All heavy atoms as atom14 arrays in JSON, in Angstrom:
{
  "sequence": "TKQASECNFWDSSVHPDVQPEIKLSQSPNETSVKHLTSDEECVFAAVG",
  "atom14_mask": [
    [1, 1, 1, 1, 1, 1, 1, 0, 0, 0, 0, 0, 0, 0],
    [1, 1, 1, 1, 1, 1, 1, 1, 1, 0, 0, 0, 0, 0],
    [1, 1, 1, 1, 1, 1, 1, 1, 1, 0, 0, 0, 0, 0],
    [1, 1, 1, 1, 1, 0, 0, 0, 0, 0, 0, 0, 0, 0],
    [1, 1, 1, 1, 1, 1, 0, 0, 0, 0, 0, 0, 0, 0],
    [1, 1, 1, 1, 1, 1, 1, 1, 1, 0, 0, 0, 0, 0],
    [1, 1, 1, 1, 1, 1, 0, 0, 0, 0, 0, 0, 0, 0],
    [1, 1, 1, 1, 1, 1, 1, 1, 0, 0, 0, 0, 0, 0],
    [1, 1, 1, 1, 1, 1, 1, 1, 1, 1, 1, 0, 0, 0],
    [1, 1, 1, 1, 1, 1, 1, 1, 1, 1, 1, 1, 1, 1],
    [1, 1, 1, 1, 1, 1, 1, 1, 0, 0, 0, 0, 0, 0],
    [1, 1, 1, 1, 1, 1, 0, 0, 0, 0, 0, 0, 0, 0],
    [1, 1, 1, 1, 1, 1, 0, 0, 0, 0, 0, 0, 0, 0],
    [1, 1, 1, 1, 1, 1, 1, 0, 0, 0, 0, 0, 0, 0],
    [1, 1, 1, 1, 1, 1, 1, 1, 1, 1, 0, 0, 0, 0],
    [1, 1, 1, 1, 1, 1, 1, 0, 0, 0, 0, 0, 0, 0],
    [1, 1, 1, 1, 1, 1, 1, 1, 0, 0, 0, 0, 0, 0],
    [1, 1, 1, 1, 1, 1, 1, 0, 0, 0, 0, 0, 0, 0],
    [1, 1, 1, 1, 1, 1, 1, 1, 1, 0, 0, 0, 0, 0],
    [1, 1, 1, 1, 1, 1, 1, 0, 0, 0, 0, 0, 0, 0],
    [1, 1, 1, 1, 1, 1, 1, 1, 1, 0, 0, 0, 0, 0],
    [1, 1, 1, 1, 1, 1, 1, 1, 0, 0, 0, 0, 0, 0],
    [1, 1, 1, 1, 1, 1, 1, 1, 1, 0, 0, 0, 0, 0],
    [1, 1, 1, 1, 1, 1, 1, 1, 0, 0, 0, 0, 0, 0],
    [1, 1, 1, 1, 1, 1, 0, 0, 0, 0, 0, 0, 0, 0],
    [1, 1, 1, 1, 1, 1, 1, 1, 1, 0, 0, 0, 0, 0],
    [1, 1, 1, 1, 1, 1, 0, 0, 0, 0, 0, 0, 0, 0],
    [1, 1, 1, 1, 1, 1, 1, 0, 0, 0, 0, 0, 0, 0],
    [1, 1, 1, 1, 1, 1, 1, 1, 0, 0, 0, 0, 0, 0],
    [1, 1, 1, 1, 1, 1, 1, 1, 1, 0, 0, 0, 0, 0],
    [1, 1, 1, 1, 1, 1, 1, 0, 0, 0, 0, 0, 0, 0],
    [1, 1, 1, 1, 1, 1, 0, 0, 0, 0, 0, 0, 0, 0],
    [1, 1, 1, 1, 1, 1, 1, 0, 0, 0, 0, 0, 0, 0],
    [1, 1, 1, 1, 1, 1, 1, 1, 1, 0, 0, 0, 0, 0],
    [1, 1, 1, 1, 1, 1, 1, 1, 1, 1, 0, 0, 0, 0],
    [1, 1, 1, 1, 1, 1, 1, 1, 0, 0, 0, 0, 0, 0],
    [1, 1, 1, 1, 1, 1, 1, 0, 0, 0, 0, 0, 0, 0],
    [1, 1, 1, 1, 1, 1, 0, 0, 0, 0, 0, 0, 0, 0],
    [1, 1, 1, 1, 1, 1, 1, 1, 0, 0, 0, 0, 0, 0],
    [1, 1, 1, 1, 1, 1, 1, 1, 1, 0, 0, 0, 0, 0],
    [1, 1, 1, 1, 1, 1, 1, 1, 1, 0, 0, 0, 0, 0],
    [1, 1, 1, 1, 1, 1, 0, 0, 0, 0, 0, 0, 0, 0],
    [1, 1, 1, 1, 1, 1, 1, 0, 0, 0, 0, 0, 0, 0],
    [1, 1, 1, 1, 1, 1, 1, 1, 1, 1, 1, 0, 0, 0],
    [1, 1, 1, 1, 1, 0, 0, 0, 0, 0, 0, 0, 0, 0],
    [1, 1, 1, 1, 1, 0, 0, 0, 0, 0, 0, 0, 0, 0],
    [1, 1, 1, 1, 1, 1, 1, 0, 0, 0, 0, 0, 0, 0],
    [1, 1, 1, 1, 0, 0, 0, 0, 0, 0, 0, 0, 0, 0]
  ],
  "atom14_positions": [
    [[-1.65, 80.03, 32.68], [-0.81, 81.06, 32.07], [-0.3, 82.02, 33.15], [-0.89, 82.13, 34.23], [-1.59, 81.87, 31.02], [-2.75, 82.44, 31.64], [-2.02, 80.97, 29.86], [0.0, 0.0, 0.0], [0.0, 0.0, 0.0], [0.0, 0.0, 0.0], [0.0, 0.0, 0.0], [0.0, 0.0, 0.0], [0.0, 0.0, 0.0], [0.0, 0.0, 0.0]],
    [[0.8, 82.71, 32.84], [1.36, 83.69, 33.76], [0.51, 84.95, 33.78], [0.18, 85.5, 32.75], [2.78, 84.07, 33.33], [3.84, 83.02, 33.59], [5.2, 83.59, 33.21], [6.29, 82.55, 33.37], [7.62, 83.11, 33.02], [0.0, 0.0, 0.0], [0.0, 0.0, 0.0], [0.0, 0.0, 0.0], [0.0, 0.0, 0.0], [0.0, 0.0, 0.0]],
    [[0.16, 85.4, 34.99], [-0.52, 86.68, 35.13], [0.48, 87.81, 35.38], [0.3, 88.92, 34.92], [-1.52, 86.62, 36.29], [-2.74, 85.76, 36.02], [-3.75, 85.84, 37.16], [-3.46, 86.4, 38.21], [-4.92, 85.28, 36.94], [0.0, 0.0, 0.0], [0.0, 0.0, 0.0], [0.0, 0.0, 0.0], [0.0, 0.0, 0.0], [0.0, 0.0, 0.0]],
    [[1.52, 87.49, 36.15], [2.55, 88.49, 36.48], [3.76, 87.76, 37.02], [3.68, 86.59, 37.39], [2.02, 89.5, 37.5], [0.0, 0.0, 0.0], [0.0, 0.0, 0.0], [0.0, 0.0, 0.0], [0.0, 0.0, 0.0], [0.0, 0.0, 0.0], [0.0, 0.0, 0.0], [0.0, 0.0, 0.0], [0.0, 0.0, 0.0], [0.0, 0.0, 0.0]],
    [[4.89, 88.47, 37.08], [6.1, 87.88, 37.66], [6.95, 88.98, 38.26], [6.84, 90.16, 37.88], [6.89, 87.11, 36.6], [7.37, 87.99, 35.6], [0.0, 0.0, 0.0], [0.0, 0.0, 0.0], [0.0, 0.0, 0.0], [0.0, 0.0, 0.0], [0.0, 0.0, 0.0], [0.0, 0.0, 0.0], [0.0, 0.0, 0.0], [0.0, 0.0, 0.0]],
    [[7.79, 88.6, 39.21], [8.71, 89.52, 39.88], [10.03, 88.79, 40.07], [10.07, 87.7, 40.65], [8.14, 89.96, 41.23], [9.06, 90.81, 42.07], [9.25, 92.21, 41.51], [8.25, 92.84, 41.14], [10.4, 92.66, 41.45], [0.0, 0.0, 0.0], [0.0, 0.0, 0.0], [0.0, 0.0, 0.0], [0.0, 0.0, 0.0], [0.0, 0.0, 0.0]],
    [[11.12, 89.39, 39.59], [12.42, 88.73, 39.75], [13.5, 89.72, 40.14], [14.69, 89.45, 39.99], [12.81, 88.0, 38.46], [12.88, 89.07, 37.02], [0.0, 0.0, 0.0], [0.0, 0.0, 0.0], [0.0, 0.0, 0.0], [0.0, 0.0, 0.0], [0.0, 0.0, 0.0], [0.0, 0.0, 0.0], [0.0, 0.0, 0.0], [0.0, 0.0, 0.0]],
    [[13.11, 90.89, 40.65], [14.07, 91.93, 41.02], [14.04, 92.24, 42.51], [14.16, 93.39, 42.91], [13.79, 93.21, 40.22], [14.0, 93.02, 38.74], [15.02, 92.47, 38.32], [13.05, 93.46, 37.94], [0.0, 0.0, 0.0], [0.0, 0.0, 0.0], [0.0, 0.0, 0.0], [0.0, 0.0, 0.0], [0.0, 0.0, 0.0], [0.0, 0.0, 0.0]],
    [[13.87, 91.22, 43.34], [13.77, 91.45, 44.78], [15.04, 92.11, 45.33], [14.98, 92.92, 46.23], [13.53, 90.12, 45.51], [12.15, 89.57, 45.28], [11.98, 88.35, 44.64], [11.04, 90.25, 45.7], [10.71, 87.84, 44.43], [9.76, 89.76, 45.49], [9.6, 88.54, 44.86], [0.0, 0.0, 0.0], [0.0, 0.0, 0.0], [0.0, 0.0, 0.0]],
    [[16.21, 91.72, 44.82], [17.47, 92.22, 45.36], [18.01, 93.42, 44.6], [19.09, 93.9, 44.86], [18.51, 91.11, 45.34], [18.73, 90.56, 43.96], [19.62, 91.01, 43.03], [18.02, 89.48, 43.35], [19.5, 90.28, 41.88], [18.54, 89.34, 42.04], [17.01, 88.62, 43.78], [18.06, 88.36, 41.16], [16.55, 87.67, 42.9], [17.06, 87.54, 41.61]],
    [[17.28, 93.91, 43.61], [17.73, 95.02, 42.78], [17.36, 96.34, 43.44], [16.18, 96.67, 43.56], [17.1, 94.93, 41.38], [17.71, 95.94, 40.41], [18.5, 96.79, 40.86], [17.38, 95.86, 39.22], [0.0, 0.0, 0.0], [0.0, 0.0, 0.0], [0.0, 0.0, 0.0], [0.0, 0.0, 0.0], [0.0, 0.0, 0.0], [0.0, 0.0, 0.0]],
    [[18.36, 97.11, 43.9], [18.09, 98.36, 44.62], [17.48, 99.43, 43.72], [16.83, 100.35, 44.19], [19.38, 98.9, 45.25], [20.36, 99.12, 44.24], [0.0, 0.0, 0.0], [0.0, 0.0, 0.0], [0.0, 0.0, 0.0], [0.0, 0.0, 0.0], [0.0, 0.0, 0.0], [0.0, 0.0, 0.0], [0.0, 0.0, 0.0], [0.0, 0.0, 0.0]],
    [[17.69, 99.34, 42.39], [17.11, 100.33, 41.49], [15.6, 100.2, 41.41], [14.89, 101.15, 41.12], [17.72, 100.19, 40.09], [17.4, 98.92, 39.54], [0.0, 0.0, 0.0], [0.0, 0.0, 0.0], [0.0, 0.0, 0.0], [0.0, 0.0, 0.0], [0.0, 0.0, 0.0], [0.0, 0.0, 0.0], [0.0, 0.0, 0.0], [0.0, 0.0, 0.0]],
    [[15.08, 98.98, 41.66], [13.64, 98.75, 41.65], [13.02, 99.24, 42.95], [11.88, 99.68, 42.99], [13.33, 97.25, 41.43], [11.82, 97.0, 41.43], [13.93, 96.79, 40.11], [0.0, 0.0, 0.0], [0.0, 0.0, 0.0], [0.0, 0.0, 0.0], [0.0, 0.0, 0.0], [0.0, 0.0, 0.0], [0.0, 0.0, 0.0], [0.0, 0.0, 0.0]],
    [[13.79, 99.18, 44.04], [13.3, 99.62, 45.36], [14.17, 100.79, 45.82], [15.15, 100.6, 46.54], [13.38, 98.46, 46.36], [12.81, 97.19, 45.83], [11.46, 97.03, 45.57], [13.39, 96.02, 45.48], [11.25, 95.81, 45.11], [12.41, 95.18, 45.04], [0.0, 0.0, 0.0], [0.0, 0.0, 0.0], [0.0, 0.0, 0.0], [0.0, 0.0, 0.0]],
    [[13.85, 102.02, 45.41], [14.72, 103.18, 45.66], [14.87, 103.52, 47.13], [15.82, 104.2, 47.5], [14.03, 104.31, 44.89], [12.6, 103.89, 44.75], [12.64, 102.38, 44.67], [0.0, 0.0, 0.0], [0.0, 0.0, 0.0], [0.0, 0.0, 0.0], [0.0, 0.0, 0.0], [0.0, 0.0, 0.0], [0.0, 0.0, 0.0], [0.0, 0.0, 0.0]],
    [[13.95, 103.09, 47.99], [14.04, 103.42, 49.41], [15.13, 102.61, 50.11], [15.48, 102.89, 51.26], [12.7, 103.14, 50.12], [11.63, 104.09, 49.65], [11.99, 105.13, 49.08], [10.45, 103.81, 49.85], [0.0, 0.0, 0.0], [0.0, 0.0, 0.0], [0.0, 0.0, 0.0], [0.0, 0.0, 0.0], [0.0, 0.0, 0.0], [0.0, 0.0, 0.0]],
    [[15.66, 101.59, 49.45], [16.61, 100.68, 50.07], [18.03, 101.07, 49.7], [18.32, 101.4, 48.55], [16.33, 99.23, 49.62], [17.31, 98.27, 50.26], [14.9, 98.84, 49.96], [0.0, 0.0, 0.0], [0.0, 0.0, 0.0], [0.0, 0.0, 0.0], [0.0, 0.0, 0.0], [0.0, 0.0, 0.0], [0.0, 0.0, 0.0], [0.0, 0.0, 0.0]],
    [[18.92, 101.05, 50.69], [20.31, 101.35, 50.43], [20.94, 100.26, 49.56], [20.82, 99.08, 49.88], [21.09, 101.46, 51.75], [20.68, 102.66, 52.6], [21.06, 103.97, 51.94], [22.05, 104.06, 51.24], [20.24, 104.99, 52.15], [0.0, 0.0, 0.0], [0.0, 0.0, 0.0], [0.0, 0.0, 0.0], [0.0, 0.0, 0.0], [0.0, 0.0, 0.0]],
    [[21.62, 100.62, 48.46], [22.22, 99.59, 47.6], [23.4, 98.9, 48.28], [24.11, 99.51, 49.08], [22.68, 100.4, 46.38], [22.87, 101.78, 46.88], [21.85, 101.98, 47.97], [0.0, 0.0, 0.0], [0.0, 0.0, 0.0], [0.0, 0.0, 0.0], [0.0, 0.0, 0.0], [0.0, 0.0, 0.0], [0.0, 0.0, 0.0], [0.0, 0.0, 0.0]],
    [[23.59, 97.65, 47.96], [24.7, 96.87, 48.5], [25.63, 96.51, 47.35], [25.2, 96.09, 46.29], [24.19, 95.59, 49.17], [23.31, 95.88, 50.39], [22.81, 94.59, 51.01], [23.33, 93.51, 50.65], [21.91, 94.65, 51.85], [0.0, 0.0, 0.0], [0.0, 0.0, 0.0], [0.0, 0.0, 0.0], [0.0, 0.0, 0.0], [0.0, 0.0, 0.0]],
    [[26.94, 96.69, 47.58], [27.94, 96.38, 46.56], [28.36, 94.92, 46.72], [28.96, 94.54, 47.72], [29.15, 97.31, 46.68], [28.72, 98.77, 46.54], [30.21, 96.95, 45.65], [29.82, 99.76, 46.8], [0.0, 0.0, 0.0], [0.0, 0.0, 0.0], [0.0, 0.0, 0.0], [0.0, 0.0, 0.0], [0.0, 0.0, 0.0], [0.0, 0.0, 0.0]],
    [[28.02, 94.1, 45.72], [28.36, 92.68, 45.76], [28.8, 92.24, 44.37], [28.22, 92.66, 43.36], [27.16, 91.85, 46.22], [26.82, 92.06, 47.68], [25.68, 91.17, 48.12], [25.36, 91.39, 49.59], [24.24, 90.58, 50.04], [0.0, 0.0, 0.0], [0.0, 0.0, 0.0], [0.0, 0.0, 0.0], [0.0, 0.0, 0.0], [0.0, 0.0, 0.0]],
    [[29.82, 91.4, 44.34], [30.31, 90.9, 43.06], [29.37, 89.83, 42.51], [29.15, 89.74, 41.32], [31.73, 90.34, 43.22], [32.79, 91.38, 43.63], [34.13, 90.69, 43.82], [32.91, 92.47, 42.57], [0.0, 0.0, 0.0], [0.0, 0.0, 0.0], [0.0, 0.0, 0.0], [0.0, 0.0, 0.0], [0.0, 0.0, 0.0], [0.0, 0.0, 0.0]],
    [[28.85, 89.01, 43.39], [27.95, 87.95, 42.95], [26.99, 87.62, 44.08], [27.23, 87.97, 45.24], [28.74, 86.69, 42.57], [29.44, 86.2, 43.7], [0.0, 0.0, 0.0], [0.0, 0.0, 0.0], [0.0, 0.0, 0.0], [0.0, 0.0, 0.0], [0.0, 0.0, 0.0], [0.0, 0.0, 0.0], [0.0, 0.0, 0.0], [0.0, 0.0, 0.0]],
    [[25.9, 86.96, 43.75], [24.89, 86.61, 44.73], [24.74, 85.1, 44.79], [24.6, 84.44, 43.76], [23.56, 87.26, 44.37], [23.54, 88.74, 44.74], [22.49, 89.51, 43.95], [22.19, 89.17, 42.82], [21.96, 90.55, 44.55], [0.0, 0.0, 0.0], [0.0, 0.0, 0.0], [0.0, 0.0, 0.0], [0.0, 0.0, 0.0], [0.0, 0.0, 0.0]],
    [[24.8, 84.58, 46.0], [24.65, 83.14, 46.18], [23.18, 82.77, 46.16], [22.32, 83.63, 46.37], [25.28, 82.73, 47.52], [24.53, 83.26, 48.6], [0.0, 0.0, 0.0], [0.0, 0.0, 0.0], [0.0, 0.0, 0.0], [0.0, 0.0, 0.0], [0.0, 0.0, 0.0], [0.0, 0.0, 0.0], [0.0, 0.0, 0.0], [0.0, 0.0, 0.0]],
    [[22.88, 81.49, 45.91], [21.47, 81.07, 45.92], [20.76, 81.36, 47.23], [19.56, 81.6, 47.25], [21.57, 79.56, 45.66], [22.87, 79.39, 44.93], [23.79, 80.43, 45.49], [0.0, 0.0, 0.0], [0.0, 0.0, 0.0], [0.0, 0.0, 0.0], [0.0, 0.0, 0.0], [0.0, 0.0, 0.0], [0.0, 0.0, 0.0], [0.0, 0.0, 0.0]],
    [[21.51, 81.36, 48.37], [20.88, 81.64, 49.66], [20.38, 83.07, 49.74], [19.46, 83.38, 50.51], [21.88, 81.39, 50.79], [22.09, 79.92, 51.07], [21.21, 79.11, 50.78], [23.24, 79.56, 51.6], [0.0, 0.0, 0.0], [0.0, 0.0, 0.0], [0.0, 0.0, 0.0], [0.0, 0.0, 0.0], [0.0, 0.0, 0.0], [0.0, 0.0, 0.0]],
    [[20.97, 83.99, 48.97], [20.57, 85.39, 49.02], [19.38, 85.68, 48.12], [18.67, 86.65, 48.32], [21.75, 86.29, 48.61], [22.9, 86.27, 49.62], [24.09, 87.05, 49.11], [24.29, 87.07, 47.88], [24.8, 87.63, 49.93], [0.0, 0.0, 0.0], [0.0, 0.0, 0.0], [0.0, 0.0, 0.0], [0.0, 0.0, 0.0], [0.0, 0.0, 0.0]],
    [[19.17, 84.85, 47.11], [18.1, 85.11, 46.14], [16.95, 84.12, 46.2], [15.91, 84.35, 45.61], [18.69, 85.09, 44.71], [19.21, 83.78, 44.44], [19.79, 86.12, 44.55], [0.0, 0.0, 0.0], [0.0, 0.0, 0.0], [0.0, 0.0, 0.0], [0.0, 0.0, 0.0], [0.0, 0.0, 0.0], [0.0, 0.0, 0.0], [0.0, 0.0, 0.0]],
    [[17.13, 83.02, 46.91], [16.13, 81.95, 46.89], [14.86, 82.34, 47.64], [14.92, 82.91, 48.74], [16.74, 80.69, 47.54], [15.77, 79.67, 47.62], [0.0, 0.0, 0.0], [0.0, 0.0, 0.0], [0.0, 0.0, 0.0], [0.0, 0.0, 0.0], [0.0, 0.0, 0.0], [0.0, 0.0, 0.0], [0.0, 0.0, 0.0], [0.0, 0.0, 0.0]],
    [[13.73, 82.04, 47.03], [12.44, 82.23, 47.69], [12.19, 81.01, 48.57], [11.9, 79.92, 48.09], [11.29, 82.39, 46.67], [9.96, 82.58, 47.39], [11.55, 83.57, 45.75], [0.0, 0.0, 0.0], [0.0, 0.0, 0.0], [0.0, 0.0, 0.0], [0.0, 0.0, 0.0], [0.0, 0.0, 0.0], [0.0, 0.0, 0.0], [0.0, 0.0, 0.0]],
    [[12.34, 81.18, 49.89], [12.24, 80.06, 50.83], [10.8, 79.7, 51.17], [10.47, 78.55, 51.4], [13.0, 80.39, 52.12], [14.49, 80.6, 51.95], [15.2, 79.29, 51.69], [16.71, 79.5, 51.7], [17.45, 78.26, 51.4], [0.0, 0.0, 0.0], [0.0, 0.0, 0.0], [0.0, 0.0, 0.0], [0.0, 0.0, 0.0], [0.0, 0.0, 0.0]],
    [[9.95, 80.74, 51.26], [8.57, 80.48, 51.69], [7.66, 81.59, 51.21], [8.09, 82.73, 51.05], [8.52, 80.36, 53.22], [7.21, 79.84, 53.72], [6.41, 80.53, 54.59], [6.54, 78.68, 53.46], [5.31, 79.83, 54.86], [5.37, 78.71, 54.18], [0.0, 0.0, 0.0], [0.0, 0.0, 0.0], [0.0, 0.0, 0.0], [0.0, 0.0, 0.0]],
    [[6.4, 81.25, 50.97], [5.38, 82.22, 50.54], [4.13, 82.06, 51.4], [3.77, 80.94, 51.78], [5.0, 81.99, 49.08], [6.06, 82.17, 48.01], [5.54, 81.67, 46.67], [6.46, 83.63, 47.88], [0.0, 0.0, 0.0], [0.0, 0.0, 0.0], [0.0, 0.0, 0.0], [0.0, 0.0, 0.0], [0.0, 0.0, 0.0], [0.0, 0.0, 0.0]],
    [[3.49, 83.17, 51.69], [2.17, 83.13, 52.32], [1.37, 84.3, 51.76], [1.93, 85.22, 51.17], [2.28, 83.22, 53.85], [1.0, 83.01, 54.44], [2.81, 84.58, 54.3], [0.0, 0.0, 0.0], [0.0, 0.0, 0.0], [0.0, 0.0, 0.0], [0.0, 0.0, 0.0], [0.0, 0.0, 0.0], [0.0, 0.0, 0.0], [0.0, 0.0, 0.0]],
    [[0.04, 84.25, 51.92], [-0.81, 85.28, 51.31], [-2.04, 85.53, 52.15], [-2.5, 84.66, 52.9], [-1.21, 84.83, 49.9], [-2.12, 85.76, 49.33], [0.0, 0.0, 0.0], [0.0, 0.0, 0.0], [0.0, 0.0, 0.0], [0.0, 0.0, 0.0], [0.0, 0.0, 0.0], [0.0, 0.0, 0.0], [0.0, 0.0, 0.0], [0.0, 0.0, 0.0]],
    [[-2.6, 86.75, 52.0], [-3.87, 87.09, 52.63], [-4.91, 87.41, 51.55], [-5.9, 88.09, 51.81], [-3.72, 88.26, 53.59], [-3.23, 89.53, 52.9], [-2.98, 89.49, 51.67], [-3.11, 90.57, 53.57], [0.0, 0.0, 0.0], [0.0, 0.0, 0.0], [0.0, 0.0, 0.0], [0.0, 0.0, 0.0], [0.0, 0.0, 0.0], [0.0, 0.0, 0.0]],
    [[-4.66, 86.94, 50.31], [-5.51, 87.14, 49.14], [-5.43, 88.54, 48.56], [-5.92, 88.8, 47.47], [-6.97, 86.77, 49.44], [-7.17, 85.3, 49.8], [-8.64, 84.94, 49.95], [-9.49, 85.83, 49.73], [-8.91, 83.78, 50.27], [0.0, 0.0, 0.0], [0.0, 0.0, 0.0], [0.0, 0.0, 0.0], [0.0, 0.0, 0.0], [0.0, 0.0, 0.0]],
    [[-4.8, 89.46, 49.27], [-4.55, 90.81, 48.75], [-3.08, 90.96, 48.36], [-2.75, 91.53, 47.33], [-4.93, 91.86, 49.78], [-4.69, 93.29, 49.33], [-4.98, 94.31, 50.42], [-5.54, 93.93, 51.46], [-4.64, 95.48, 50.22], [0.0, 0.0, 0.0], [0.0, 0.0, 0.0], [0.0, 0.0, 0.0], [0.0, 0.0, 0.0], [0.0, 0.0, 0.0]],
    [[-2.21, 90.41, 49.21], [-0.77, 90.48, 48.99], [-0.15, 89.1, 49.15], [-0.69, 88.24, 49.84], [-0.11, 91.46, 49.97], [-0.59, 93.18, 49.74], [0.0, 0.0, 0.0], [0.0, 0.0, 0.0], [0.0, 0.0, 0.0], [0.0, 0.0, 0.0], [0.0, 0.0, 0.0], [0.0, 0.0, 0.0], [0.0, 0.0, 0.0], [0.0, 0.0, 0.0]],
    [[1.01, 88.92, 48.52], [1.84, 87.74, 48.73], [3.05, 88.18, 49.55], [3.71, 89.18, 49.21], [2.29, 87.12, 47.4], [3.27, 85.98, 47.65], [1.1, 86.61, 46.62], [0.0, 0.0, 0.0], [0.0, 0.0, 0.0], [0.0, 0.0, 0.0], [0.0, 0.0, 0.0], [0.0, 0.0, 0.0], [0.0, 0.0, 0.0], [0.0, 0.0, 0.0]],
    [[3.34, 87.47, 50.63], [4.48, 87.78, 51.47], [5.55, 86.73, 51.2], [5.33, 85.54, 51.42], [4.06, 87.77, 52.95], [2.96, 88.75, 53.25], [1.62, 88.39, 53.08], [3.24, 90.04, 53.66], [0.59, 89.28, 53.34], [2.22, 90.95, 53.91], [0.9, 90.58, 53.76], [0.0, 0.0, 0.0], [0.0, 0.0, 0.0], [0.0, 0.0, 0.0]],
    [[6.7, 87.19, 50.7], [7.74, 86.28, 50.24], [8.98, 86.4, 51.12], [9.46, 87.5, 51.38], [8.1, 86.59, 48.79], [0.0, 0.0, 0.0], [0.0, 0.0, 0.0], [0.0, 0.0, 0.0], [0.0, 0.0, 0.0], [0.0, 0.0, 0.0], [0.0, 0.0, 0.0], [0.0, 0.0, 0.0], [0.0, 0.0, 0.0], [0.0, 0.0, 0.0]],
    [[9.49, 85.25, 51.55], [10.77, 85.19, 52.26], [11.85, 84.93, 51.21], [11.94, 83.83, 50.66], [10.75, 84.08, 53.31], [0.0, 0.0, 0.0], [0.0, 0.0, 0.0], [0.0, 0.0, 0.0], [0.0, 0.0, 0.0], [0.0, 0.0, 0.0], [0.0, 0.0, 0.0], [0.0, 0.0, 0.0], [0.0, 0.0, 0.0], [0.0, 0.0, 0.0]],
    [[12.65, 85.95, 50.92], [13.68, 85.86, 49.88], [15.03, 86.14, 50.52], [15.29, 87.27, 50.96], [13.42, 86.86, 48.74], [14.44, 86.66, 47.62], [12.01, 86.73, 48.2], [0.0, 0.0, 0.0], [0.0, 0.0, 0.0], [0.0, 0.0, 0.0], [0.0, 0.0, 0.0], [0.0, 0.0, 0.0], [0.0, 0.0, 0.0], [0.0, 0.0, 0.0]],
    [[15.88, 85.11, 50.6], [17.17, 85.28, 51.26], [16.99, 85.69, 52.71], [16.26, 85.06, 53.47], [0.0, 0.0, 0.0], [0.0, 0.0, 0.0], [0.0, 0.0, 0.0], [0.0, 0.0, 0.0], [0.0, 0.0, 0.0], [0.0, 0.0, 0.0], [0.0, 0.0, 0.0], [0.0, 0.0, 0.0], [0.0, 0.0, 0.0], [0.0, 0.0, 0.0]]
  ]
}
């Protein structure tokens, strides 16, 4: 079963410290999760 999920990596409203980018659309290369690694405390995700 799902314990949690995250799908707002590119959403500047979720990450207020990040400057928003004006884009009409996002290509799969910008949103795709390419690789994951973990230290059992955190998951480090390569997204775009």
